[in-house]
Amino acid sequence: MFERWRTFELTPDGYRETVIGIGDTLRKLGVSDKEAEAGKQLVEHIYSLQLSRRPEVCDKVKVRKRFGDVSLRLETKGDEYNPLQMLEEWNEDDPDYERTVFLKSKKEQLSYAHKNGMNIVTVRVHEAGNKQIRYTLFAMVLGILAGAVLKSMVSPEMIEMLNKNVVTSIRTMFLNSLNMMIAPVVFFSIIAGLTSISNASDIGRIGGKLVGTYMCTTVIATILSITIGLFMFHGGVPQMGTISGSGGGVSVSLLDMIVKVVPENLIAPIVNRDMLQVIFVSVLFGVTINMLGETAQLLKDFTETANTFCLRVITLLAQFIPLIAFLSMMALMFTVGVDSLWLLGKVLIGQFIGSAAMICVYSVVMVLMGKISPVPFLKKIGGFVPVAISMGSSSAAMPFTMNFCTEKMGVSPRLSSFSIPLGATVNMDGGCFYFSIQAILLAKMYGVEMTPAFIWALFVTVVALSIGAPGVPGGSFVCLTSIIVSFGVPVEAAAIVLGIDPLTSMFRTTINTIGDIAVTTALSKNEGMMDEAVYMGTADNG
């Protein structure tokens, strides 16, 4: 149920038994003993304040649970009277001094309103840690239903107008606001992470483990993706045309990619959102600040403040995720529709199989590298999936990925602020399945033979692009077109799979972010930078 509540009558007679009953009800709703005890004390103190001013007072106390949040609502009939106003007027000579001090310490949990002749004091006892995820899931379901209903009842012209002028516009504004913050978040997060790891040998060791592990999972993902693609389309596929030759070969230059990591100036990486260049500059600056020691303390403080500021901006933007999830699902129903979801079902099935396989791979990484059970990881990761699906971009999801690692997986912020931005750039395991499966389908549609030379060229290209592909919406589709063109397939062939790009984007973003979380968590345990009580779920949640 979305809301559960129970009402108590709070009067001087039976006062103590009623308060005990409120505490028992709070515990039954899943709050900790500490939260239940604090809730009881707040009710007692507020009621006592009311009695001291209005002896005839009789409160109704409603215990409510909504979307995981638990609160107490004290309702009293009469003229407007705010007992919380005393929190601004108290002094040491006040007989209610100690009571008022306690209430003041909990002021953020209290609120007052006067509605319909009723004085209402609300006490927030417990806030659900996964509230945002529940809202997002609920919004996704509503979006699918609303999109399906509108598509069946409204004219195609009206649907197109609504999709273009409302849905797409709002979603674009949100993604633009996130993209605006991507480069600053990466820049300051990596510098802050490096400056908190002052030992240069630690930085080199951790960085080497990160890049090595990310590269291993990328190679495994590429091998699995090509295998799945060949299996899914081993039979005949509809022929869309033929190519004149064997294609232009691999057009990706690893040397050029390495050379371009070093930017010509400091502004271009941020303006162009070239994450490899941003990472290079931030690592260079972070290492240099460490070398300067106490001389650069002002820079360290500035970096930490700037990092906190950027993450707080992201936190504010995150409040709109449920709305964006609703609009994304609605747009998906507008452009794809229920009947067309099976148009390229094999591609989606292939990506689903690949996603399941990679989760198994990540579990093995946690056992081998972290020497820790992957069970808590597997239980918790499902709660992050709606965020990844809504973002459609591993870079846009990056701040939320860092927060998830810290709060749910027990990873030290020192590590997550360095590992996650790096992973969002060089770890694109989900992109491997996207590139390989669809490239094989399109190549077979145009008569390209699946020779060992083709498979090897595809392997090299996919590995290279999975490192250099931009982690923004639409970036992977551009890379896919470059892959098929390199094998002689016309660029317009990519339009065949464009219709399901929103769905494939969900798969690749989810796997990319899950991979970042898994490797970061395993490394945090390996380096002794994990709070195991948080990871195992045994930490005090009160």
Protein backbone atom coordinates (compact mmCIF):
# COMPACT_ATOMS: atom_id res chain seq x y z
CA MET A 1 0.00 0.00 0.00
CA PHE A 2 1.13 3.55 -0.66
CA GLU A 3 -0.09 4.76 2.76
CA ARG A 4 -0.86 3.14 6.09
CA TRP A 5 -1.94 4.98 9.21
CA ARG A 6 -3.34 4.51 12.70
CA THR A 7 -4.90 7.16 14.96
CA PHE A 8 -4.43 7.59 18.74
CA GLU A 9 -6.27 9.90 21.17
CA LEU A 10 -3.76 11.70 23.36
CA THR A 11 -5.37 12.96 26.61
CA PRO A 12 -4.07 13.43 30.17
CA ASP A 13 -5.90 10.24 31.14
CA GLY A 14 -4.09 7.20 29.76
CA TYR A 15 -1.32 9.45 28.44
CA ARG A 16 1.53 7.07 29.27
CA GLU A 17 -0.12 3.99 27.75
CA THR A 18 -0.93 5.93 24.57
CA VAL A 19 2.68 7.05 24.11
CA ILE A 20 3.88 3.46 24.58
CA GLY A 21 1.35 2.33 21.98
CA ILE A 22 2.67 4.95 19.55
CA GLY A 23 6.21 3.64 20.03
CA ASP A 24 5.11 0.02 19.44
CA THR A 25 3.28 1.05 16.26
CA LEU A 26 6.38 2.84 14.98
CA ARG A 27 8.46 -0.31 15.46
CA LYS A 28 5.87 -2.40 13.64
CA LEU A 29 6.22 -0.01 10.68
CA GLY A 30 9.91 -0.85 10.47
CA VAL A 31 11.67 2.09 12.13
CA SER A 32 14.64 1.47 14.39
CA ASP A 33 14.40 1.52 18.20
CA LYS A 34 16.38 4.76 18.25
CA GLU A 35 14.00 6.46 15.80
CA ALA A 36 10.92 5.14 17.64
CA GLU A 37 12.23 6.42 20.97
CA ALA A 38 13.01 9.85 19.47
CA GLY A 39 9.52 9.97 17.95
CA LYS A 40 7.93 9.18 21.32
CA GLN A 41 9.95 11.88 23.07
CA LEU A 42 9.01 14.49 20.48
CA VAL A 43 5.31 13.68 20.92
CA GLU A 44 5.65 13.89 24.70
CA HIS A 45 7.47 17.22 24.64
CA ILE A 46 5.14 18.85 22.10
CA TYR A 47 2.07 17.67 24.00
CA SER A 48 3.53 18.88 27.30
CA LEU A 49 4.18 22.31 25.80
CA GLN A 50 0.58 22.44 24.61
CA LEU A 51 -0.71 21.41 28.04
CA SER A 52 1.33 24.10 29.75
CA ARG A 53 -0.39 26.77 27.65
CA ARG A 54 -3.80 25.15 26.98
CA PRO A 55 -4.85 22.66 29.68
CA GLU A 56 -7.94 21.57 27.74
CA VAL A 57 -5.95 20.33 24.76
CA CYS A 58 -6.79 16.94 23.24
CA ASP A 59 -4.59 15.72 20.44
CA LYS A 60 -5.20 13.18 17.75
CA VAL A 61 -1.92 11.50 16.79
CA LYS A 62 -1.83 9.80 13.42
CA VAL A 63 1.03 7.41 12.71
CA ARG A 64 1.50 7.35 8.92
CA LYS A 65 3.68 5.39 6.52
CA ARG A 66 3.83 6.56 2.92
CA PHE A 67 6.34 5.35 0.31
CA GLY A 68 8.59 4.15 3.14
CA ASP A 69 8.48 7.46 5.05
CA VAL A 70 7.11 7.25 8.61
CA SER A 71 5.73 10.34 10.35
CA LEU A 72 3.58 11.39 13.30
CA ARG A 73 0.84 13.99 12.78
CA LEU A 74 -0.53 15.77 15.90
CA GLU A 75 -3.89 17.43 15.23
CA THR A 76 -5.59 19.85 17.64
CA LYS A 77 -8.81 21.78 16.97
CA GLY A 78 -8.92 25.49 17.77
CA ASP A 79 -7.52 28.87 16.87
CA GLU A 80 -4.10 29.07 15.33
CA TYR A 81 -1.47 28.15 17.90
CA ASN A 82 2.06 27.10 16.93
CA PRO A 83 3.87 25.35 19.80
CA LEU A 84 7.07 25.38 17.71
CA GLN A 85 7.13 29.18 17.90
CA MET A 86 8.55 28.82 21.38
CA LEU A 87 11.73 27.40 19.87
CA GLU A 88 12.61 30.93 18.79
CA GLU A 89 11.80 32.51 22.16
CA TRP A 90 13.26 30.18 24.80
CA ASN A 91 15.74 31.21 27.52
CA GLU A 92 17.47 29.53 30.44
CA ASP A 93 14.91 30.86 32.95
CA ASP A 94 12.06 29.15 31.12
CA PRO A 95 10.71 26.17 33.12
CA ASP A 96 10.47 24.26 29.84
CA TYR A 97 14.12 25.04 29.03
CA GLU A 98 15.39 21.43 28.80
CA ARG A 99 12.35 20.29 26.83
CA THR A 100 12.77 23.18 24.43
CA VAL A 101 16.47 22.44 23.94
CA PHE A 102 15.59 18.89 22.89
CA LEU A 103 12.92 20.10 20.48
CA LYS A 104 15.31 22.65 19.01
CA SER A 105 17.87 19.91 18.36
CA LYS A 106 15.20 18.08 16.33
CA LYS A 107 13.79 21.15 14.64
CA GLU A 108 14.50 19.85 11.11
CA GLN A 109 12.13 16.95 11.78
CA LEU A 110 9.25 19.23 12.81
CA SER A 111 6.80 21.35 10.84
CA TYR A 112 3.60 23.26 11.63
CA ALA A 113 0.47 24.20 9.66
CA HIS A 114 -3.02 25.53 10.43
CA LYS A 115 -5.70 24.15 8.10
CA ASN A 116 -9.49 24.10 8.39
CA GLY A 117 -9.44 25.12 12.04
CA MET A 118 -6.89 22.45 12.87
CA ASN A 119 -3.40 22.97 14.33
CA ILE A 120 -1.14 20.35 12.78
CA VAL A 121 2.37 19.48 13.95
CA THR A 122 4.17 16.88 11.81
CA VAL A 123 7.10 14.86 13.14
CA ARG A 124 9.22 13.11 10.50
CA VAL A 125 10.35 9.94 12.27
CA HIS A 126 11.99 8.04 9.40
CA GLU A 127 12.81 8.85 5.79
CA ALA A 128 13.11 5.93 3.40
CA GLY A 129 16.57 5.64 1.88
CA ASN A 130 15.11 4.21 -1.34
CA LYS A 131 12.26 6.70 -1.62
CA GLN A 132 13.64 8.21 -4.80
CA ILE A 133 13.86 4.77 -6.39
CA ARG A 134 10.25 3.99 -5.49
CA TYR A 135 9.08 7.27 -6.94
CA THR A 136 11.06 6.58 -10.10
CA LEU A 137 9.64 3.08 -10.54
CA PHE A 138 6.13 4.36 -9.92
CA ALA A 139 6.68 7.17 -12.44
CA MET A 140 7.97 4.71 -15.05
CA VAL A 141 4.85 2.56 -14.75
CA LEU A 142 2.62 5.64 -14.99
CA GLY A 143 4.57 6.83 -18.02
CA ILE A 144 4.07 3.53 -19.86
CA LEU A 145 0.35 3.53 -19.07
CA ALA A 146 -0.12 7.21 -19.97
CA GLY A 147 1.82 6.80 -23.22
CA ALA A 148 -0.17 3.74 -24.26
CA VAL A 149 -3.52 5.38 -23.43
CA LEU A 150 -2.70 8.65 -25.22
CA LYS A 151 -1.42 6.82 -28.29
CA SER A 152 -4.67 4.89 -28.57
CA MET A 153 -6.96 7.87 -27.98
CA VAL A 154 -5.21 10.89 -29.53
CA SER A 155 -4.44 11.59 -33.18
CA PRO A 156 -0.87 10.98 -34.47
CA GLU A 157 -0.49 14.71 -35.15
CA MET A 158 -1.34 15.57 -31.55
CA ILE A 159 1.03 12.84 -30.30
CA GLU A 160 3.85 14.22 -32.41
CA MET A 161 3.17 17.75 -31.18
CA LEU A 162 3.04 16.62 -27.53
CA ASN A 163 6.20 14.55 -27.90
CA LYS A 164 8.16 17.32 -29.61
CA ASN A 165 6.99 20.38 -27.70
CA VAL A 166 6.51 18.98 -24.20
CA VAL A 167 8.12 15.60 -23.55
CA THR A 168 11.28 16.04 -25.61
CA SER A 169 11.72 19.66 -24.55
CA ILE A 170 11.57 18.97 -20.81
CA ARG A 171 13.79 15.89 -21.08
CA THR A 172 16.33 17.81 -23.18
CA MET A 173 16.43 20.64 -20.63
CA PHE A 174 17.05 18.16 -17.82
CA LEU A 175 19.78 16.27 -19.68
CA ASN A 176 21.39 19.55 -20.72
CA SER A 177 21.48 20.65 -17.09
CA LEU A 178 23.20 17.39 -16.17
CA ASN A 179 25.61 17.52 -19.11
CA MET A 180 26.46 21.06 -18.06
CA MET A 181 27.78 19.65 -14.78
CA ILE A 182 29.51 16.50 -16.07
CA ALA A 183 32.92 18.03 -16.79
CA PRO A 184 33.09 20.05 -13.51
CA VAL A 185 31.99 17.01 -11.49
CA VAL A 186 34.64 14.78 -13.10
CA PHE A 187 37.33 17.46 -12.80
CA PHE A 188 36.82 18.33 -9.14
CA SER A 189 35.89 14.78 -8.03
CA ILE A 190 39.11 13.27 -9.36
CA ILE A 191 41.29 16.05 -7.94
CA ALA A 192 39.54 15.78 -4.55
CA GLY A 193 39.94 12.01 -4.62
CA LEU A 194 43.63 12.20 -5.49
CA THR A 195 44.43 14.88 -2.92
CA SER A 196 42.79 12.76 -0.23
CA ILE A 197 45.15 9.93 -1.25
CA SER A 198 48.36 11.78 -0.57
CA ASN A 199 50.76 8.88 -1.16
CA ALA A 200 51.87 8.86 -4.81
CA SER A 201 52.50 5.11 -4.76
CA ASP A 202 48.92 4.54 -3.56
CA ILE A 203 47.59 6.61 -6.47
CA GLY A 204 49.62 4.64 -8.99
CA ARG A 205 48.64 1.30 -7.49
CA ILE A 206 44.92 2.09 -7.27
CA GLY A 207 44.85 3.64 -10.75
CA GLY A 208 46.65 0.65 -12.22
CA LYS A 209 44.23 -1.80 -10.60
CA LEU A 210 41.25 0.21 -11.81
CA VAL A 211 42.35 0.50 -15.43
CA GLY A 212 43.52 -3.12 -15.52
CA THR A 213 40.23 -4.44 -14.14
CA TYR A 214 38.15 -2.23 -16.42
CA MET A 215 40.14 -3.43 -19.43
CA CYS A 216 39.69 -7.08 -18.43
CA THR A 217 35.92 -6.72 -18.13
CA THR A 218 35.83 -4.84 -21.46
CA VAL A 219 37.67 -7.67 -23.26
CA ILE A 220 35.36 -10.25 -21.67
CA ALA A 221 32.29 -8.20 -22.62
CA THR A 222 33.52 -7.87 -26.22
CA ILE A 223 34.14 -11.62 -26.56
CA LEU A 224 30.72 -12.41 -25.07
CA SER A 225 28.97 -9.81 -27.22
CA ILE A 226 30.43 -11.12 -30.49
CA THR A 227 29.61 -14.70 -29.48
CA ILE A 228 26.01 -13.76 -28.63
CA GLY A 229 25.65 -11.75 -31.86
CA LEU A 230 26.88 -14.63 -34.03
CA PHE A 231 24.58 -17.04 -32.18
CA MET A 232 21.48 -14.83 -32.37
CA PHE A 233 21.89 -14.26 -36.12
CA HIS A 234 23.54 -17.50 -37.22
CA GLY A 235 20.68 -18.23 -39.60
CA GLY A 236 19.37 -16.16 -42.46
CA VAL A 237 18.38 -12.55 -41.98
CA PRO A 238 16.42 -10.27 -44.33
CA GLN A 239 18.69 -8.86 -47.02
CA MET A 240 18.55 -5.09 -47.31
CA GLY A 241 21.27 -4.75 -49.96
CA THR A 242 24.85 -5.63 -50.83
CA ILE A 243 28.20 -3.89 -50.52
CA SER A 244 30.67 -3.41 -53.34
CA GLY A 245 33.73 -4.61 -51.47
CA SER A 246 34.91 -5.95 -48.17
CA GLY A 247 34.72 -2.58 -46.49
CA GLY A 248 37.22 -0.01 -45.53
CA GLY A 249 38.65 -1.91 -42.60
CA VAL A 250 39.03 -0.64 -39.10
CA SER A 251 38.93 3.15 -39.03
CA VAL A 252 39.83 3.55 -35.36
CA SER A 253 43.40 4.56 -34.57
CA LEU A 254 44.49 3.71 -31.03
CA LEU A 255 47.57 5.90 -31.48
CA ASP A 256 45.43 8.92 -32.41
CA MET A 257 43.20 8.25 -29.42
CA ILE A 258 46.19 8.19 -27.06
CA VAL A 259 47.71 11.35 -28.58
CA LYS A 260 44.42 13.25 -28.29
CA VAL A 261 44.21 12.52 -24.57
CA VAL A 262 46.53 15.51 -24.05
CA PRO A 263 44.55 18.71 -24.84
CA GLU A 264 45.93 21.80 -26.53
CA ASN A 265 44.51 24.08 -23.81
CA LEU A 266 42.68 23.89 -20.49
CA ILE A 267 39.33 25.17 -21.73
CA ALA A 268 38.71 22.83 -24.68
CA PRO A 269 38.21 19.59 -22.64
CA ILE A 270 35.45 21.20 -20.57
CA VAL A 271 33.81 22.98 -23.51
CA ASN A 272 33.90 19.85 -25.70
CA ARG A 273 33.15 17.50 -22.76
CA ASP A 274 36.05 15.26 -23.81
CA MET A 275 36.17 13.08 -20.71
CA LEU A 276 39.53 11.46 -21.46
CA GLN A 277 41.11 14.90 -21.67
CA VAL A 278 39.30 16.08 -18.53
CA ILE A 279 40.58 13.02 -16.66
CA PHE A 280 44.15 13.65 -17.88
CA VAL A 281 44.10 17.29 -16.72
CA SER A 282 42.47 16.48 -13.36
CA VAL A 283 44.95 13.65 -12.65
CA LEU A 284 47.84 15.95 -13.57
CA PHE A 285 46.54 18.69 -11.28
CA GLY A 286 45.76 16.28 -8.44
CA VAL A 287 49.22 14.71 -8.47
CA THR A 288 50.85 18.16 -8.65
CA ILE A 289 48.84 19.47 -5.68
CA ASN A 290 49.97 16.45 -3.67
CA MET A 291 53.59 17.14 -4.58
CA LEU A 292 53.29 20.73 -3.33
CA GLY A 293 52.20 19.53 0.11
CA GLU A 294 51.17 22.19 2.65
CA THR A 295 51.94 24.96 0.15
CA ALA A 296 48.83 23.95 -1.83
CA GLN A 297 46.50 23.66 1.17
CA LEU A 298 44.41 26.55 -0.16
CA LEU A 299 43.96 24.70 -3.47
CA LYS A 300 42.95 21.53 -1.61
CA ASP A 301 40.31 23.40 0.38
CA PHE A 302 39.02 25.10 -2.76
CA THR A 303 38.82 21.78 -4.61
CA GLU A 304 36.89 20.09 -1.81
CA THR A 305 34.47 23.02 -1.61
CA ALA A 306 34.00 23.08 -5.39
CA ASN A 307 33.44 19.31 -5.41
CA THR A 308 30.84 19.58 -2.65
CA PHE A 309 29.14 22.41 -4.52
CA CYS A 310 28.96 20.47 -7.81
CA LEU A 311 27.55 17.39 -6.10
CA ARG A 312 24.96 19.52 -4.29
CA VAL A 313 23.82 20.96 -7.63
CA ILE A 314 23.43 17.40 -8.92
CA THR A 315 21.44 16.50 -5.80
CA LEU A 316 19.02 19.34 -6.52
CA LEU A 317 18.63 18.22 -10.13
CA ALA A 318 18.02 14.65 -8.94
CA GLN A 319 14.66 15.71 -7.50
CA PHE A 320 13.35 15.75 -11.08
CA ILE A 321 14.36 12.16 -11.91
CA PRO A 322 10.85 10.70 -11.37
CA LEU A 323 9.41 13.30 -13.76
CA ILE A 324 12.06 12.50 -16.37
CA ALA A 325 11.41 8.77 -15.92
CA PHE A 326 7.70 9.38 -16.52
CA LEU A 327 8.38 11.42 -19.67
CA SER A 328 10.99 8.95 -20.96
CA MET A 329 8.60 6.02 -20.73
CA MET A 330 5.83 8.07 -22.32
CA ALA A 331 8.12 9.07 -25.21
CA LEU A 332 9.13 5.43 -25.63
CA MET A 333 5.50 4.41 -26.03
CA PHE A 334 4.93 7.28 -28.49
CA THR A 335 7.87 6.42 -30.74
CA VAL A 336 8.07 2.64 -30.42
CA GLY A 337 4.71 1.41 -29.17
CA VAL A 338 3.73 -1.92 -27.69
CA ASP A 339 3.30 -3.73 -31.01
CA SER A 340 6.69 -2.63 -32.30
CA LEU A 341 8.68 -3.70 -29.24
CA TRP A 342 9.23 -7.07 -30.93
CA LEU A 343 10.48 -5.55 -34.20
CA LEU A 344 14.07 -6.24 -33.35
CA GLY A 345 13.46 -8.53 -30.40
CA LYS A 346 16.58 -10.60 -30.99
CA VAL A 347 18.78 -7.57 -30.46
CA LEU A 348 17.11 -6.86 -27.13
CA ILE A 349 17.22 -10.52 -26.09
CA GLY A 350 20.91 -10.61 -26.95
CA GLN A 351 21.58 -7.54 -24.83
CA PHE A 352 19.55 -9.00 -21.97
CA ILE A 353 21.56 -12.24 -22.08
CA GLY A 354 24.76 -10.21 -22.19
CA SER A 355 23.64 -8.11 -19.22
CA ALA A 356 22.95 -11.23 -17.14
CA ALA A 357 26.31 -12.70 -18.14
CA MET A 358 28.18 -9.53 -17.16
CA ILE A 359 26.51 -9.43 -13.74
CA CYS A 360 27.93 -12.92 -13.21
CA VAL A 361 31.35 -11.64 -14.34
CA TYR A 362 31.15 -8.74 -11.88
CA SER A 363 30.26 -11.16 -9.09
CA VAL A 364 33.40 -13.14 -9.89
CA VAL A 365 35.44 -9.92 -9.83
CA MET A 366 34.14 -9.19 -6.34
CA VAL A 367 35.12 -12.66 -5.15
CA LEU A 368 38.58 -12.69 -6.77
CA MET A 369 39.62 -9.07 -6.21
CA GLY A 370 37.61 -8.07 -3.16
CA LYS A 371 37.51 -11.45 -1.42
CA ILE A 372 33.95 -10.58 -0.44
CA SER A 373 30.53 -12.14 -0.98
CA PRO A 374 28.68 -10.68 -3.98
CA VAL A 375 25.27 -11.44 -2.42
CA PRO A 376 24.75 -7.97 -0.83
CA PHE A 377 25.83 -6.41 -4.12
CA LEU A 378 23.29 -8.49 -6.06
CA LYS A 379 20.54 -7.64 -3.57
CA LYS A 380 21.16 -3.89 -3.60
CA ILE A 381 22.00 -3.28 -7.25
CA GLY A 382 18.38 -3.70 -8.37
CA GLY A 383 17.54 -0.51 -6.52
CA PHE A 384 19.94 1.46 -8.71
CA VAL A 385 18.65 0.17 -12.05
CA PRO A 386 15.74 2.67 -12.35
CA VAL A 387 18.19 5.58 -12.04
CA ALA A 388 20.42 4.20 -14.81
CA ILE A 389 17.40 3.55 -17.04
CA SER A 390 16.09 7.08 -16.55
CA MET A 391 19.43 8.73 -17.27
CA GLY A 392 20.23 6.86 -20.51
CA SER A 393 23.83 8.00 -20.01
CA SER A 394 26.57 6.64 -17.78
CA SER A 395 28.10 10.12 -17.50
CA ALA A 396 24.79 11.70 -16.49
CA ALA A 397 24.28 8.94 -13.92
CA MET A 398 27.80 9.33 -12.55
CA PRO A 399 27.02 11.51 -9.49
CA PHE A 400 24.23 9.14 -8.48
CA THR A 401 26.58 6.18 -8.99
CA MET A 402 29.13 7.75 -6.63
CA ASN A 403 26.43 8.39 -4.04
CA PHE A 404 25.16 4.80 -4.32
CA CYS A 405 28.69 3.42 -3.82
CA THR A 406 29.17 5.52 -0.70
CA GLU A 407 25.78 5.11 0.96
CA LYS A 408 24.79 1.57 -0.05
CA MET A 409 28.08 -0.24 -0.74
CA GLY A 410 30.17 1.32 2.02
CA VAL A 411 32.86 2.60 -0.35
CA SER A 412 35.05 5.45 0.91
CA PRO A 413 34.27 8.73 -0.88
CA ARG A 414 38.03 9.07 -1.46
CA LEU A 415 37.90 6.08 -3.79
CA SER A 416 34.49 6.53 -5.41
CA SER A 417 35.26 10.14 -6.37
CA PHE A 418 38.22 8.83 -8.37
CA SER A 419 37.01 5.43 -9.57
CA ILE A 420 33.51 6.27 -10.82
CA PRO A 421 34.48 9.21 -13.10
CA LEU A 422 37.25 7.07 -14.54
CA GLY A 423 34.90 4.13 -15.06
CA ALA A 424 32.20 6.32 -16.64
CA THR A 425 34.76 7.18 -19.32
CA VAL A 426 36.80 4.02 -19.99
CA ASN A 427 34.40 1.28 -18.87
CA MET A 428 31.66 0.80 -21.48
CA ASP A 429 30.86 -2.90 -21.16
CA GLY A 430 27.23 -2.26 -22.06
CA GLY A 431 28.39 -0.51 -25.21
CA CYS A 432 30.27 -3.65 -26.27
CA PHE A 433 27.02 -5.60 -26.55
CA TYR A 434 25.32 -2.67 -28.25
CA PHE A 435 28.10 -2.34 -30.85
CA SER A 436 28.74 -6.02 -31.57
CA ILE A 437 25.21 -7.42 -31.74
CA GLN A 438 23.80 -4.66 -33.91
CA ALA A 439 26.88 -4.44 -36.13
CA ILE A 440 26.66 -8.18 -36.84
CA LEU A 441 22.95 -7.88 -37.66
CA LEU A 442 23.45 -4.95 -40.05
CA ALA A 443 26.51 -6.52 -41.67
CA LYS A 444 24.61 -9.74 -42.38
CA MET A 445 21.71 -7.72 -43.78
CA TYR A 446 24.15 -6.34 -46.35
CA GLY A 447 25.81 -9.64 -47.15
CA VAL A 448 29.06 -9.27 -45.20
CA GLU A 449 30.56 -12.70 -44.49
CA MET A 450 31.39 -13.58 -40.90
CA THR A 451 35.04 -14.46 -41.62
CA PRO A 452 37.78 -14.64 -38.94
CA ALA A 453 39.19 -11.38 -40.37
CA PHE A 454 35.81 -9.66 -39.91
CA ILE A 455 35.45 -10.98 -36.35
CA TRP A 456 38.98 -9.88 -35.39
CA ALA A 457 38.48 -6.42 -36.92
CA LEU A 458 35.15 -6.09 -35.10
CA PHE A 459 36.80 -7.14 -31.82
CA VAL A 460 39.55 -4.50 -32.11
CA THR A 461 37.10 -1.78 -33.14
CA VAL A 462 34.63 -2.50 -30.34
CA VAL A 463 37.36 -2.56 -27.65
CA ALA A 464 38.75 0.75 -28.91
CA LEU A 465 35.37 2.47 -29.14
CA SER A 466 34.23 1.16 -25.76
CA ILE A 467 37.11 3.17 -24.27
CA GLY A 468 36.71 6.29 -26.36
CA ALA A 469 32.93 6.43 -26.85
CA PRO A 470 31.32 9.52 -25.28
CA GLY A 471 29.09 8.56 -22.34
CA VAL A 472 26.28 10.92 -23.38
CA PRO A 473 22.89 10.20 -24.98
CA GLY A 474 23.33 9.53 -28.69
CA GLY A 475 27.11 9.07 -28.48
CA SER A 476 26.99 5.29 -28.85
CA PHE A 477 24.74 5.48 -31.90
CA VAL A 478 27.30 7.71 -33.63
CA CYS A 479 30.00 5.15 -32.83
CA LEU A 480 27.82 2.35 -34.22
CA THR A 481 27.54 4.15 -37.54
CA SER A 482 31.34 4.46 -37.70
CA ILE A 483 31.69 0.71 -37.12
CA ILE A 484 29.32 -0.38 -39.88
CA VAL A 485 30.78 2.14 -42.35
CA SER A 486 34.25 0.72 -41.71
CA PHE A 487 32.96 -2.61 -43.05
CA GLY A 488 31.34 -1.09 -46.13
CA VAL A 489 27.76 -1.04 -44.82
CA PRO A 490 26.00 2.23 -45.80
CA VAL A 491 25.44 4.67 -42.97
CA GLU A 492 21.69 4.78 -43.62
CA ALA A 493 21.49 1.11 -42.55
CA ALA A 494 21.77 2.29 -38.93
CA ALA A 495 18.23 3.68 -39.23
CA ILE A 496 17.01 0.06 -39.06
CA VAL A 497 17.92 -0.16 -35.38
CA LEU A 498 17.27 3.49 -34.51
CA GLY A 499 13.70 2.71 -33.43
CA ILE A 500 14.82 0.58 -30.50
CA ASP A 501 17.75 2.80 -29.54
CA PRO A 502 15.92 4.04 -26.40
CA LEU A 503 15.58 0.43 -25.22
CA THR A 504 19.15 -0.58 -26.05
CA SER A 505 20.33 2.59 -24.31
CA MET A 506 18.68 1.37 -21.11
CA PHE A 507 20.60 -1.91 -21.27
CA ARG A 508 24.00 -0.41 -22.01
CA THR A 509 23.73 2.37 -19.41
CA THR A 510 22.63 -0.11 -16.76
CA ILE A 511 25.53 -2.48 -17.40
CA ASN A 512 28.05 0.36 -17.64
CA THR A 513 27.04 1.76 -14.25
CA ILE A 514 26.71 -1.66 -12.57
CA GLY A 515 30.22 -2.47 -13.79
CA ASP A 516 31.56 0.76 -12.31
CA ILE A 517 29.88 0.00 -8.98
CA ALA A 518 31.13 -3.61 -8.86
CA VAL A 519 34.76 -2.81 -9.65
CA THR A 520 34.81 0.15 -7.26
CA THR A 521 33.30 -1.95 -4.47
CA ALA A 522 35.73 -4.84 -5.03
CA LEU A 523 38.71 -2.47 -5.09
CA SER A 524 37.53 -0.68 -1.94
CA LYS A 525 37.61 -3.98 -0.07
CA ASN A 526 40.97 -4.86 -1.60
CA GLU A 527 42.44 -1.52 -0.51
CA GLY A 528 40.82 -1.43 2.93
CA MET A 529 38.62 1.52 1.97
CA MET A 530 35.25 -0.12 2.64
CA ASP A 531 32.84 0.07 5.56
CA GLU A 532 31.89 -3.61 5.64
CA ALA A 533 29.01 -3.01 8.05
CA VAL A 534 27.33 -0.78 5.44
CA TYR A 535 28.02 -3.24 2.63
CA MET A 536 26.73 -6.25 4.57
CA GLY A 537 23.73 -4.28 5.84
CA THR A 538 24.64 -4.68 9.50
CA ALA A 539 25.31 -0.98 10.21
CA ASP A 540 23.10 0.78 12.73
CA ASN A 541 20.34 2.37 10.69
CA GLY A 542 19.07 4.43 13.52
